[in-house]
PDB file of N, CA and C in Angstrom:
ATOM      1  N   UNK A   1       2.863  26.214  -4.896  1.00  0.00           N
ATOM      2  CA  UNK A   1       1.496  25.754  -4.985  1.00  0.00           C
ATOM      3  C   UNK A   1       1.496  24.259  -5.293  1.00  0.00           C
ATOM      4  N   UNK A   2       0.734  23.525  -4.520  1.00  0.00           N
ATOM      5  CA  UNK A   2       0.613  22.091  -4.759  1.00  0.00           C
ATOM      6  C   UNK A   2      -0.185  21.847  -6.038  1.00  0.00           C
ATOM      7  N   UNK A   3       0.286  20.868  -6.826  1.00  0.00           N
ATOM      8  CA  UNK A   3      -0.378  20.541  -8.084  1.00  0.00           C
ATOM      9  C   UNK A   3      -0.829  19.081  -8.038  1.00  0.00           C
ATOM     10  N   UNK A   4      -2.079  18.853  -8.459  1.00  0.00           N
ATOM     11  CA  UNK A   4      -2.658  17.510  -8.414  1.00  0.00           C
ATOM     12  C   UNK A   4      -3.305  17.204  -9.759  1.00  0.00           C
ATOM     13  N   UNK A   5      -2.958  16.044 -10.321  1.00  0.00           N
ATOM     14  CA  UNK A   5      -3.590  15.560 -11.553  1.00  0.00           C
ATOM     15  C   UNK A   5      -4.474  14.377 -11.185  1.00  0.00           C
ATOM     16  N   UNK A   6      -5.746  14.485 -11.496  1.00  0.00           N
ATOM     17  CA  UNK A   6      -6.704  13.421 -11.228  1.00  0.00           C
ATOM     18  C   UNK A   6      -6.963  12.679 -12.531  1.00  0.00           C
ATOM     19  N   UNK A   7      -6.435  11.475 -12.636  1.00  0.00           N
ATOM     20  CA  UNK A   7      -6.653  10.646 -13.818  1.00  0.00           C
ATOM     21  C   UNK A   7      -7.832   9.732 -13.525  1.00  0.00           C
ATOM     22  N   UNK A   8      -8.915   9.902 -14.283  1.00  0.00           N
ATOM     23  CA  UNK A   8     -10.105   9.084 -14.062  1.00  0.00           C
ATOM     24  C   UNK A   8     -10.257   8.094 -15.217  1.00  0.00           C
ATOM     25  N   UNK A   9     -10.163   6.814 -14.874  1.00  0.00           N
ATOM     26  CA  UNK A   9     -10.318   5.717 -15.829  1.00  0.00           C
ATOM     27  C   UNK A   9     -11.700   5.073 -15.698  1.00  0.00           C
ATOM     28  N   UNK A  10     -12.231   5.074 -14.491  1.00  0.00           N
ATOM     29  CA  UNK A  10     -13.481   4.386 -14.180  1.00  0.00           C
ATOM     30  C   UNK A  10     -14.668   5.110 -14.818  1.00  0.00           C
ATOM     31  N   UNK A  11     -15.506   4.367 -15.516  1.00  0.00           N
ATOM     32  CA  UNK A  11     -16.661   4.938 -16.193  1.00  0.00           C
ATOM     33  C   UNK A  11     -17.936   4.944 -15.381  1.00  0.00           C
ATOM     34  N   UNK A  12     -17.843   4.614 -14.106  1.00  0.00           N
ATOM     35  CA  UNK A  12     -19.020   4.609 -13.234  1.00  0.00           C
ATOM     36  C   UNK A  12     -19.303   6.040 -12.768  1.00  0.00           C
ATOM     37  N   UNK A  13     -20.518   6.547 -13.016  1.00  0.00           N
ATOM     38  CA  UNK A  13     -20.838   7.910 -12.573  1.00  0.00           C
ATOM     39  C   UNK A  13     -20.640   8.123 -11.071  1.00  0.00           C
ATOM     40  N   UNK A  14     -20.826   7.075 -10.263  1.00  0.00           N
ATOM     41  CA  UNK A  14     -20.621   7.202  -8.813  1.00  0.00           C
ATOM     42  C   UNK A  14     -19.154   7.449  -8.472  1.00  0.00           C
ATOM     43  N   UNK A  15     -18.258   6.978  -9.298  1.00  0.00           N
ATOM     44  CA  UNK A  15     -16.836   7.277  -9.123  1.00  0.00           C
ATOM     45  C   UNK A  15     -16.539   8.677  -9.661  1.00  0.00           C
ATOM     46  N   UNK A  16     -17.085   8.980 -10.825  1.00  0.00           N
ATOM     47  CA  UNK A  16     -16.790  10.244 -11.491  1.00  0.00           C
ATOM     48  C   UNK A  16     -17.216  11.442 -10.651  1.00  0.00           C
ATOM     49  N   UNK A  17     -18.327  11.315  -9.924  1.00  0.00           N
ATOM     50  CA  UNK A  17     -18.775  12.437  -9.093  1.00  0.00           C
ATOM     51  C   UNK A  17     -17.714  12.788  -8.047  1.00  0.00           C
ATOM     52  N   UNK A  18     -17.010  11.769  -7.552  1.00  0.00           N
ATOM     53  CA  UNK A  18     -15.963  12.030  -6.556  1.00  0.00           C
ATOM     54  C   UNK A  18     -14.772  12.767  -7.169  1.00  0.00           C
ATOM     55  N   UNK A  19     -14.485  12.490  -8.424  1.00  0.00           N
ATOM     56  CA  UNK A  19     -13.430  13.224  -9.123  1.00  0.00           C
ATOM     57  C   UNK A  19     -13.810  14.702  -9.202  1.00  0.00           C
ATOM     58  N   UNK A  20     -15.048  14.966  -9.614  1.00  0.00           N
ATOM     59  CA  UNK A  20     -15.506  16.349  -9.748  1.00  0.00           C
ATOM     60  C   UNK A  20     -15.509  17.071  -8.408  1.00  0.00           C
ATOM     61  N   UNK A  21     -16.051  16.426  -7.386  1.00  0.00           N
ATOM     62  CA  UNK A  21     -16.118  17.048  -6.058  1.00  0.00           C
ATOM     63  C   UNK A  21     -14.726  17.312  -5.488  1.00  0.00           C
ATOM     64  N   UNK A  22     -13.835  16.339  -5.622  1.00  0.00           N
ATOM     65  CA  UNK A  22     -12.470  16.520  -5.112  1.00  0.00           C
ATOM     66  C   UNK A  22     -11.735  17.607  -5.871  1.00  0.00           C
ATOM     67  N   UNK A  23     -11.918  17.667  -7.175  1.00  0.00           N
ATOM     68  CA  UNK A  23     -11.257  18.719  -7.966  1.00  0.00           C
ATOM     69  C   UNK A  23     -11.710  20.095  -7.508  1.00  0.00           C
ATOM     70  N   UNK A  24     -13.011  20.251  -7.322  1.00  0.00           N
ATOM     71  CA  UNK A  24     -13.530  21.554  -6.884  1.00  0.00           C
ATOM     72  C   UNK A  24     -13.040  21.910  -5.481  1.00  0.00           C
ATOM     73  N   UNK A  25     -13.017  20.933  -4.586  1.00  0.00           N
ATOM     74  CA  UNK A  25     -12.551  21.197  -3.216  1.00  0.00           C
ATOM     75  C   UNK A  25     -11.069  21.572  -3.202  1.00  0.00           C
ATOM     76  N   UNK A  26     -10.263  20.811  -3.929  1.00  0.00           N
ATOM     77  CA  UNK A  26      -8.830  21.101  -3.968  1.00  0.00           C
ATOM     78  C   UNK A  26      -8.567  22.480  -4.567  1.00  0.00           C
ATOM     79  N   UNK A  27      -9.265  22.807  -5.638  1.00  0.00           N
ATOM     80  CA  UNK A  27      -9.092  24.126  -6.263  1.00  0.00           C
ATOM     81  C   UNK A  27      -9.495  25.233  -5.295  1.00  0.00           C
ATOM     82  N   UNK A  28     -10.571  25.018  -4.541  1.00  0.00           N
ATOM     83  CA  UNK A  28     -11.023  26.019  -3.571  1.00  0.00           C
ATOM     84  C   UNK A  28      -9.987  26.221  -2.463  1.00  0.00           C
ATOM     85  N   UNK A  29      -9.158  25.204  -2.215  1.00  0.00           N
ATOM     86  CA  UNK A  29      -8.121  25.293  -1.193  1.00  0.00           C
ATOM     87  C   UNK A  29      -6.796  25.783  -1.773  1.00  0.00           C
ATOM     88  N   UNK A  30      -6.823  26.249  -3.021  1.00  0.00           N
ATOM     89  CA  UNK A  30      -5.643  26.853  -3.613  1.00  0.00           C
ATOM     90  C   UNK A  30      -4.713  25.930  -4.361  1.00  0.00           C
ATOM     91  N   UNK A  31      -5.108  24.682  -4.569  1.00  0.00           N
ATOM     92  CA  UNK A  31      -4.253  23.757  -5.314  1.00  0.00           C
ATOM     93  C   UNK A  31      -4.519  23.914  -6.815  1.00  0.00           C
ATOM     94  N   UNK A  32      -3.501  23.656  -7.607  1.00  0.00           N
ATOM     95  CA  UNK A  32      -3.672  23.619  -9.064  1.00  0.00           C
ATOM     96  C   UNK A  32      -4.117  22.200  -9.397  1.00  0.00           C
ATOM     97  N   UNK A  33      -5.297  22.065  -9.989  1.00  0.00           N
ATOM     98  CA  UNK A  33      -5.894  20.753 -10.248  1.00  0.00           C
ATOM     99  C   UNK A  33      -6.145  20.587 -11.739  1.00  0.00           C
ATOM    100  N   UNK A  34      -5.841  19.404 -12.234  1.00  0.00           N
ATOM    101  CA  UNK A  34      -6.139  19.052 -13.620  1.00  0.00           C
ATOM    102  C   UNK A  34      -6.770  17.661 -13.642  1.00  0.00           C
ATOM    103  N   UNK A  35      -7.924  17.558 -14.319  1.00  0.00           N
ATOM    104  CA  UNK A  35      -8.610  16.275 -14.494  1.00  0.00           C
ATOM    105  C   UNK A  35      -8.267  15.749 -15.880  1.00  0.00           C
ATOM    106  N   UNK A  36      -7.862  14.483 -15.930  1.00  0.00           N
ATOM    107  CA  UNK A  36      -7.578  13.817 -17.197  1.00  0.00           C
ATOM    108  C   UNK A  36      -8.575  12.667 -17.328  1.00  0.00           C
ATOM    109  N   UNK A  37      -9.367  12.711 -18.385  1.00  0.00           N
ATOM    110  CA  UNK A  37     -10.412  11.711 -18.613  1.00  0.00           C
ATOM    111  C   UNK A  37      -9.854  10.636 -19.528  1.00  0.00           C
ATOM    112  N   UNK A  38      -9.811   9.419 -19.024  1.00  0.00           N
ATOM    113  CA  UNK A  38      -9.135   8.298 -19.666  1.00  0.00           C
ATOM    114  C   UNK A  38     -10.041   7.077 -19.692  1.00  0.00           C
ATOM    115  N   UNK A  39      -9.676   6.087 -20.473  1.00  0.00           N
ATOM    116  CA  UNK A  39     -10.318   4.782 -20.438  1.00  0.00           C
ATOM    117  C   UNK A  39     -11.838   4.828 -20.540  1.00  0.00           C
ATOM    118  N   UNK A  40     -12.478   4.013 -19.710  1.00  0.00           N
ATOM    119  CA  UNK A  40     -13.936   3.874 -19.743  1.00  0.00           C
ATOM    120  C   UNK A  40     -14.664   5.157 -19.357  1.00  0.00           C
ATOM    121  N   UNK A  41     -14.006   6.055 -18.646  1.00  0.00           N
ATOM    122  CA  UNK A  41     -14.683   7.303 -18.249  1.00  0.00           C
ATOM    123  C   UNK A  41     -15.013   8.183 -19.453  1.00  0.00           C
ATOM    124  N   UNK A  42     -14.337   7.966 -20.580  1.00  0.00           N
ATOM    125  CA  UNK A  42     -14.647   8.750 -21.781  1.00  0.00           C
ATOM    126  C   UNK A  42     -16.076   8.493 -22.256  1.00  0.00           C
ATOM    127  N   UNK A  43     -16.644   7.334 -21.899  1.00  0.00           N
ATOM    128  CA  UNK A  43     -18.026   7.015 -22.287  1.00  0.00           C
ATOM    129  C   UNK A  43     -19.032   7.977 -21.662  1.00  0.00           C
ATOM    130  N   UNK A  44     -18.656   8.650 -20.590  1.00  0.00           N
ATOM    131  CA  UNK A  44     -19.562   9.555 -19.876  1.00  0.00           C
ATOM    132  C   UNK A  44     -19.739  10.905 -20.570  1.00  0.00           C
ATOM    133  N   UNK A  45     -18.877  11.252 -21.486  1.00  0.00           N
ATOM    134  CA  UNK A  45     -18.874  12.598 -22.064  1.00  0.00           C
ATOM    135  C   UNK A  45     -20.222  13.052 -22.627  1.00  0.00           C
ATOM    136  N   UNK A  46     -20.893  12.265 -23.456  1.00  0.00           N
ATOM    137  CA  UNK A  46     -22.184  12.744 -23.985  1.00  0.00           C
ATOM    138  C   UNK A  46     -23.216  12.986 -22.877  1.00  0.00           C
ATOM    139  N   UNK A  47     -23.247  12.107 -21.880  1.00  0.00           N
ATOM    140  CA  UNK A  47     -24.208  12.263 -20.777  1.00  0.00           C
ATOM    141  C   UNK A  47     -23.906  13.497 -19.940  1.00  0.00           C
ATOM    142  N   UNK A  48     -22.627  13.798 -19.716  1.00  0.00           N
ATOM    143  CA  UNK A  48     -22.254  14.969 -18.923  1.00  0.00           C
ATOM    144  C   UNK A  48     -22.727  16.264 -19.565  1.00  0.00           C
ATOM    145  N   UNK A  49     -22.840  16.263 -20.877  1.00  0.00           N
ATOM    146  CA  UNK A  49     -23.269  17.467 -21.601  1.00  0.00           C
ATOM    147  C   UNK A  49     -24.783  17.687 -21.537  1.00  0.00           C
ATOM    148  N   UNK A  50     -25.527  16.658 -21.128  1.00  0.00           N
ATOM    149  CA  UNK A  50     -26.995  16.766 -21.075  1.00  0.00           C
ATOM    150  C   UNK A  50     -27.430  17.459 -19.796  1.00  0.00           C
ATOM    151  N   UNK A  51     -28.227  18.510 -19.947  1.00  0.00           N
ATOM    152  CA  UNK A  51     -28.674  19.300 -18.788  1.00  0.00           C
ATOM    153  C   UNK A  51     -29.446  18.481 -17.770  1.00  0.00           C
ATOM    154  N   UNK A  52     -30.141  17.442 -18.201  1.00  0.00           N
ATOM    155  CA  UNK A  52     -30.921  16.627 -17.269  1.00  0.00           C
ATOM    156  C   UNK A  52     -30.068  15.617 -16.488  1.00  0.00           C
ATOM    157  N   UNK A  53     -28.807  15.491 -16.854  1.00  0.00           N
ATOM    158  CA  UNK A  53     -27.915  14.572 -16.143  1.00  0.00           C
ATOM    159  C   UNK A  53     -27.574  15.145 -14.770  1.00  0.00           C
ATOM    160  N   UNK A  54     -27.654  14.321 -13.712  1.00  0.00           N
ATOM    161  CA  UNK A  54     -27.355  14.813 -12.358  1.00  0.00           C
ATOM    162  C   UNK A  54     -25.934  15.379 -12.193  1.00  0.00           C
ATOM    163  N   UNK A  55     -24.998  14.954 -13.034  1.00  0.00           N
ATOM    164  CA  UNK A  55     -23.613  15.439 -12.932  1.00  0.00           C
ATOM    165  C   UNK A  55     -23.355  16.680 -13.788  1.00  0.00           C
ATOM    166  N   UNK A  56     -24.326  17.078 -14.584  1.00  0.00           N
ATOM    167  CA  UNK A  56     -24.131  18.187 -15.531  1.00  0.00           C
ATOM    168  C   UNK A  56     -23.678  19.479 -14.834  1.00  0.00           C
ATOM    169  N   UNK A  57     -24.298  19.810 -13.724  1.00  0.00           N
ATOM    170  CA  UNK A  57     -23.953  21.056 -13.019  1.00  0.00           C
ATOM    171  C   UNK A  57     -22.505  21.033 -12.507  1.00  0.00           C
ATOM    172  N   UNK A  58     -22.113  19.937 -11.871  1.00  0.00           N
ATOM    173  CA  UNK A  58     -20.725  19.828 -11.384  1.00  0.00           C
ATOM    174  C   UNK A  58     -19.741  19.846 -12.554  1.00  0.00           C
ATOM    175  N   UNK A  59     -20.099  19.156 -13.632  1.00  0.00           N
ATOM    176  CA  UNK A  59     -19.267  19.124 -14.830  1.00  0.00           C
ATOM    177  C   UNK A  59     -19.062  20.545 -15.361  1.00  0.00           C
ATOM    178  N   UNK A  60     -20.135  21.304 -15.394  1.00  0.00           N
ATOM    179  CA  UNK A  60     -20.044  22.689 -15.842  1.00  0.00           C
ATOM    180  C   UNK A  60     -19.122  23.522 -14.962  1.00  0.00           C
ATOM    181  N   UNK A  61     -19.179  23.281 -13.659  1.00  0.00           N
ATOM    182  CA  UNK A  61     -18.324  24.037 -12.729  1.00  0.00           C
ATOM    183  C   UNK A  61     -16.847  23.734 -12.946  1.00  0.00           C
ATOM    184  N   UNK A  62     -16.494  22.453 -13.109  1.00  0.00           N
ATOM    185  CA  UNK A  62     -15.071  22.137 -13.297  1.00  0.00           C
ATOM    186  C   UNK A  62     -14.573  22.659 -14.639  1.00  0.00           C
ATOM    187  N   UNK A  63     -15.431  22.627 -15.654  1.00  0.00           N
ATOM    188  CA  UNK A  63     -15.031  23.185 -16.948  1.00  0.00           C
ATOM    189  C   UNK A  63     -14.878  24.699 -16.861  1.00  0.00           C
ATOM    190  N   UNK A  64     -15.801  25.352 -16.178  1.00  0.00           N
ATOM    191  CA  UNK A  64     -15.749  26.807 -16.017  1.00  0.00           C
ATOM    192  C   UNK A  64     -14.473  27.232 -15.298  1.00  0.00           C
ATOM    193  N   UNK A  65     -14.052  26.444 -14.328  1.00  0.00           N
ATOM    194  CA  UNK A  65     -12.844  26.758 -13.560  1.00  0.00           C
ATOM    195  C   UNK A  65     -11.571  26.245 -14.247  1.00  0.00           C
ATOM    196  N   UNK A  66     -11.730  25.706 -15.455  1.00  0.00           N
ATOM    197  CA  UNK A  66     -10.607  25.197 -16.255  1.00  0.00           C
ATOM    198  C   UNK A  66      -9.808  24.127 -15.519  1.00  0.00           C
ATOM    199  N   UNK A  67     -10.537  23.195 -14.898  1.00  0.00           N
ATOM    200  CA  UNK A  67      -9.908  22.102 -14.165  1.00  0.00           C
ATOM    201  C   UNK A  67      -9.779  20.833 -15.003  1.00  0.00           C
ATOM    202  N   UNK A  68     -10.306  20.839 -16.220  1.00  0.00           N
ATOM    203  CA  UNK A  68     -10.229  19.664 -17.088  1.00  0.00           C
ATOM    204  C   UNK A  68      -9.059  19.844 -18.053  1.00  0.00           C
ATOM    205  N   UNK A  69      -8.026  19.029 -17.864  1.00  0.00           N
ATOM    206  CA  UNK A  69      -6.871  19.096 -18.770  1.00  0.00           C
ATOM    207  C   UNK A  69      -7.263  18.615 -20.155  1.00  0.00           C
ATOM    208  N   UNK A  70      -8.071  17.562 -20.194  1.00  0.00           N
ATOM    209  CA  UNK A  70      -8.505  17.030 -21.475  1.00  0.00           C
ATOM    210  C   UNK A  70      -8.921  15.585 -21.399  1.00  0.00           C
ATOM    211  N   UNK A  71      -9.053  15.012 -22.579  1.00  0.00           N
ATOM    212  CA  UNK A  71      -9.599  13.670 -22.768  1.00  0.00           C
ATOM    213  C   UNK A  71      -8.626  12.834 -23.584  1.00  0.00           C
ATOM    214  N   UNK A  72      -8.514  11.578 -23.227  1.00  0.00           N
ATOM    215  CA  UNK A  72      -7.679  10.661 -24.002  1.00  0.00           C
ATOM    216  C   UNK A  72      -8.240  10.544 -25.418  1.00  0.00           C
ATOM    217  N   UNK A  73      -7.418  10.889 -26.380  1.00  0.00           N
ATOM    218  CA  UNK A  73      -7.849  10.844 -27.781  1.00  0.00           C
ATOM    219  C   UNK A  73      -8.141   9.408 -28.217  1.00  0.00           C
ATOM    220  N   UNK A  74      -7.250   8.479 -27.901  1.00  0.00           N
ATOM    221  CA  UNK A  74      -7.425   7.087 -28.325  1.00  0.00           C
ATOM    222  C   UNK A  74      -8.656   6.451 -27.685  1.00  0.00           C
ATOM    223  N   UNK A  75      -8.830   6.675 -26.398  1.00  0.00           N
ATOM    224  CA  UNK A  75      -9.960   6.047 -25.697  1.00  0.00           C
ATOM    225  C   UNK A  75     -11.296   6.656 -26.116  1.00  0.00           C
ATOM    226  N   UNK A  76     -11.332   7.967 -26.300  1.00  0.00           N
ATOM    227  CA  UNK A  76     -12.592   8.576 -26.733  1.00  0.00           C
ATOM    228  C   UNK A  76     -12.938   8.131 -28.156  1.00  0.00           C
ATOM    229  N   UNK A  77     -11.927   7.910 -28.971  1.00  0.00           N
ATOM    230  CA  UNK A  77     -12.175   7.378 -30.301  1.00  0.00           C
ATOM    231  C   UNK A  77     -12.729   5.952 -30.202  1.00  0.00           C
ATOM    232  N   UNK A  78     -12.118   5.147 -29.356  1.00  0.00           N
ATOM    233  CA  UNK A  78     -12.533   3.743 -29.184  1.00  0.00           C
ATOM    234  C   UNK A  78     -13.948   3.635 -28.619  1.00  0.00           C
ATOM    235  N   UNK A  79     -14.321   4.532 -27.698  1.00  0.00           N
ATOM    236  CA  UNK A  79     -15.651   4.465 -27.084  1.00  0.00           C
ATOM    237  C   UNK A  79     -16.710   5.238 -27.869  1.00  0.00           C
ATOM    238  N   UNK A  80     -16.310   5.845 -28.973  1.00  0.00           N
ATOM    239  CA  UNK A  80     -17.266   6.557 -29.816  1.00  0.00           C
ATOM    240  C   UNK A  80     -17.668   7.925 -29.298  1.00  0.00           C
ATOM    241  N   UNK A  81     -16.840   8.522 -28.444  1.00  0.00           N
ATOM    242  CA  UNK A  81     -17.183   9.821 -27.848  1.00  0.00           C
ATOM    243  C   UNK A  81     -16.227  10.945 -28.261  1.00  0.00           C
ATOM    244  N   UNK A  82     -15.418  10.697 -29.257  1.00  0.00           N
ATOM    245  CA  UNK A  82     -14.465  11.704 -29.721  1.00  0.00           C
ATOM    246  C   UNK A  82     -15.184  12.974 -30.168  1.00  0.00           C
ATOM    247  N   UNK A  83     -16.273  12.827 -30.897  1.00  0.00           N
ATOM    248  CA  UNK A  83     -17.014  14.002 -31.361  1.00  0.00           C
ATOM    249  C   UNK A  83     -17.606  14.780 -30.196  1.00  0.00           C
ATOM    250  N   UNK A  84     -18.073  14.083 -29.162  1.00  0.00           N
ATOM    251  CA  UNK A  84     -18.596  14.763 -27.977  1.00  0.00           C
ATOM    252  C   UNK A  84     -17.498  15.570 -27.295  1.00  0.00           C
ATOM    253  N   UNK A  85     -16.293  15.000 -27.217  1.00  0.00           N
ATOM    254  CA  UNK A  85     -15.159  15.730 -26.633  1.00  0.00           C
ATOM    255  C   UNK A  85     -14.886  16.995 -27.440  1.00  0.00           C
ATOM    256  N   UNK A  86     -14.893  16.863 -28.757  1.00  0.00           N
ATOM    257  CA  UNK A  86     -14.660  18.025 -29.618  1.00  0.00           C
ATOM    258  C   UNK A  86     -15.781  19.051 -29.467  1.00  0.00           C
ATOM    259  N   UNK A  87     -17.035  18.569 -29.428  1.00  0.00           N
ATOM    260  CA  UNK A  87     -18.181  19.471 -29.287  1.00  0.00           C
ATOM    261  C   UNK A  87     -18.128  20.263 -27.981  1.00  0.00           C
ATOM    262  N   UNK A  88     -17.514  19.656 -26.946  1.00  0.00           N
ATOM    263  CA  UNK A  88     -17.406  20.322 -25.647  1.00  0.00           C
ATOM    264  C   UNK A  88     -16.107  21.123 -25.522  1.00  0.00           C
ATOM    265  N   UNK A  89     -15.379  21.238 -26.616  1.00  0.00           N
ATOM    266  CA  UNK A  89     -14.121  21.995 -26.649  1.00  0.00           C
ATOM    267  C   UNK A  89     -13.096  21.486 -25.650  1.00  0.00           C
ATOM    268  N   UNK A  90     -13.044  20.173 -25.487  1.00  0.00           N
ATOM    269  CA  UNK A  90     -12.071  19.573 -24.584  1.00  0.00           C
ATOM    270  C   UNK A  90     -10.805  19.238 -25.359  1.00  0.00           C
ATOM    271  N   UNK A  91      -9.672  19.466 -24.733  1.00  0.00           N
ATOM    272  CA  UNK A  91      -8.392  19.134 -25.361  1.00  0.00           C
ATOM    273  C   UNK A  91      -8.296  17.624 -25.528  1.00  0.00           C
ATOM    274  N   UNK A  92      -7.752  17.204 -26.657  1.00  0.00           N
ATOM    275  CA  UNK A  92      -7.517  15.787 -26.911  1.00  0.00           C
ATOM    276  C   UNK A  92      -6.067  15.484 -26.576  1.00  0.00           C
ATOM    277  N   UNK A  93      -5.856  14.633 -25.610  1.00  0.00           N
ATOM    278  CA  UNK A  93      -4.516  14.335 -25.107  1.00  0.00           C
ATOM    279  C   UNK A  93      -4.009  13.047 -25.751  1.00  0.00           C
ATOM    280  N   UNK A  94      -2.833  13.122 -26.342  1.00  0.00           N
ATOM    281  CA  UNK A  94      -2.340  11.961 -27.100  1.00  0.00           C
ATOM    282  C   UNK A  94      -0.818  11.846 -27.117  1.00  0.00           C
ATOM    283  N   UNK A  95      -0.152  12.436 -26.146  1.00  0.00           N
ATOM    284  CA  UNK A  95       1.315  12.504 -26.196  1.00  0.00           C
ATOM    285  C   UNK A  95       2.023  11.165 -25.957  1.00  0.00           C
ATOM    286  N   UNK A  96       1.300  10.133 -25.502  1.00  0.00           N
ATOM    287  CA  UNK A  96       1.909   8.826 -25.246  1.00  0.00           C
ATOM    288  C   UNK A  96       1.212   7.773 -26.125  1.00  0.00           C
ATOM    289  N   UNK A  97       1.606   7.711 -27.358  1.00  0.00           N
ATOM    290  CA  UNK A  97       1.033   6.764 -28.319  1.00  0.00           C
ATOM    291  C   UNK A  97      -0.496   6.848 -28.360  1.00  0.00           C
ATOM    292  N   UNK A  98      -1.013   8.062 -28.383  1.00  0.00           N
ATOM    293  CA  UNK A  98      -2.453   8.285 -28.478  1.00  0.00           C
ATOM    294  C   UNK A  98      -3.153   8.482 -27.148  1.00  0.00           C
ATOM    295  N   UNK A  99      -2.432   8.330 -26.040  1.00  0.00           N
ATOM    296  CA  UNK A  99      -2.990   8.433 -24.693  1.00  0.00           C
ATOM    297  C   UNK A  99      -2.272   9.539 -23.910  1.00  0.00           C
ATOM    298  N   UNK A 100      -2.895  10.056 -22.849  1.00  0.00           N
ATOM    299  CA  UNK A 100      -2.217  11.029 -21.987  1.00  0.00           C
ATOM    300  C   UNK A 100      -1.067  10.371 -21.220  1.00  0.00           C
ATOM    301  N   UNK A 101      -0.067  11.142 -20.936  1.00  0.00           N
ATOM    302  CA  UNK A 101       1.116  10.646 -20.225  1.00  0.00           C
ATOM    303  C   UNK A 101       1.065  11.028 -18.747  1.00  0.00           C
ATOM    304  N   UNK A 102       1.064  10.029 -17.892  1.00  0.00           N
ATOM    305  CA  UNK A 102       1.148  10.285 -16.449  1.00  0.00           C
ATOM    306  C   UNK A 102       2.527  10.860 -16.125  1.00  0.00           C
ATOM    307  N   UNK A 103       3.564  10.331 -16.768  1.00  0.00           N
ATOM    308  CA  UNK A 103       4.932  10.791 -16.506  1.00  0.00           C
ATOM    309  C   UNK A 103       5.078  12.286 -16.780  1.00  0.00           C
ATOM    310  N   UNK A 104       4.377  12.797 -17.795  1.00  0.00           N
ATOM    311  CA  UNK A 104       4.431  14.222 -18.108  1.00  0.00           C
ATOM    312  C   UNK A 104       3.983  15.042 -16.900  1.00  0.00           C
ATOM    313  N   UNK A 105       2.892  14.627 -16.280  1.00  0.00           N
ATOM    314  CA  UNK A 105       2.395  15.358 -15.100  1.00  0.00           C
ATOM    315  C   UNK A 105       3.357  15.215 -13.926  1.00  0.00           C
ATOM    316  N   UNK A 106       3.925  14.031 -13.741  1.00  0.00           N
ATOM    317  CA  UNK A 106       4.911  13.849 -12.675  1.00  0.00           C
ATOM    318  C   UNK A 106       6.118  14.747 -12.908  1.00  0.00           C
ATOM    319  N   UNK A 107       6.583  14.811 -14.149  1.00  0.00           N
ATOM    320  CA  UNK A 107       7.729  15.657 -14.486  1.00  0.00           C
ATOM    321  C   UNK A 107       7.446  17.136 -14.224  1.00  0.00           C
ATOM    322  N   UNK A 108       6.162  17.530 -14.318  1.00  0.00           N
ATOM    323  CA  UNK A 108       5.770  18.916 -14.076  1.00  0.00           C
ATOM    324  C   UNK A 108       5.433  19.174 -12.604  1.00  0.00           C
ATOM    325  N   UNK A 109       5.703  18.179 -11.739  1.00  0.00           N
ATOM    326  CA  UNK A 109       5.532  18.370 -10.303  1.00  0.00           C
ATOM    327  C   UNK A 109       4.149  18.062  -9.759  1.00  0.00           C
ATOM    328  N   UNK A 110       3.309  17.411 -10.553  1.00  0.00           N
ATOM    329  CA  UNK A 110       1.972  17.048 -10.084  1.00  0.00           C
ATOM    330  C   UNK A 110       2.004  15.773  -9.264  1.00  0.00           C
ATOM    331  N   UNK A 111       1.193  15.730  -8.231  1.00  0.00           N
ATOM    332  CA  UNK A 111       0.876  14.485  -7.556  1.00  0.00           C
ATOM    333  C   UNK A 111      -0.229  13.857  -8.392  1.00  0.00           C
ATOM    334  N   UNK A 112      -0.052  12.601  -8.789  1.00  0.00           N
ATOM    335  CA  UNK A 112      -1.047  11.938  -9.633  1.00  0.00           C
ATOM    336  C   UNK A 112      -1.896  11.007  -8.787  1.00  0.00           C
ATOM    337  N   UNK A 113      -3.200  11.177  -8.916  1.00  0.00           N
ATOM    338  CA  UNK A 113      -4.175  10.318  -8.245  1.00  0.00           C
ATOM    339  C   UNK A 113      -5.031   9.681  -9.324  1.00  0.00           C
ATOM    340  N   UNK A 114      -5.222   8.363  -9.239  1.00  0.00           N
ATOM    341  CA  UNK A 114      -6.032   7.679 -10.238  1.00  0.00           C
ATOM    342  C   UNK A 114      -7.344   7.202  -9.627  1.00  0.00           C
ATOM    343  N   UNK A 115      -8.370   7.270 -10.443  1.00  0.00           N
ATOM    344  CA  UNK A 115      -9.709   6.816 -10.054  1.00  0.00           C
ATOM    345  C   UNK A 115     -10.152   5.753 -11.060  1.00  0.00           C
TER     346      UNK A 115
END
């Protein structure tokens, strides 16, 4: 089974929607997909949880399908969204000096794509 890790750094919702759509499409085609929320994209967490947000429905689908590996602990702390990550029961990733490790996913056979 092909494995793909989508690392999203960009905090622009127009970029983030493509991460969500691609994750859902890849999963529907039988790929193992994991989304890693990093950098400026951590700022989106509180908005994604709001039902009136246009991305809320897609966000719910990727979470329901367990496609979200987690959130960068250091970046969510820096952007003030650590509590939102915890409230949404998202894993806090910190294996590389407080940040998620791309090498870890490569070592596990994932193709890494960054946004």
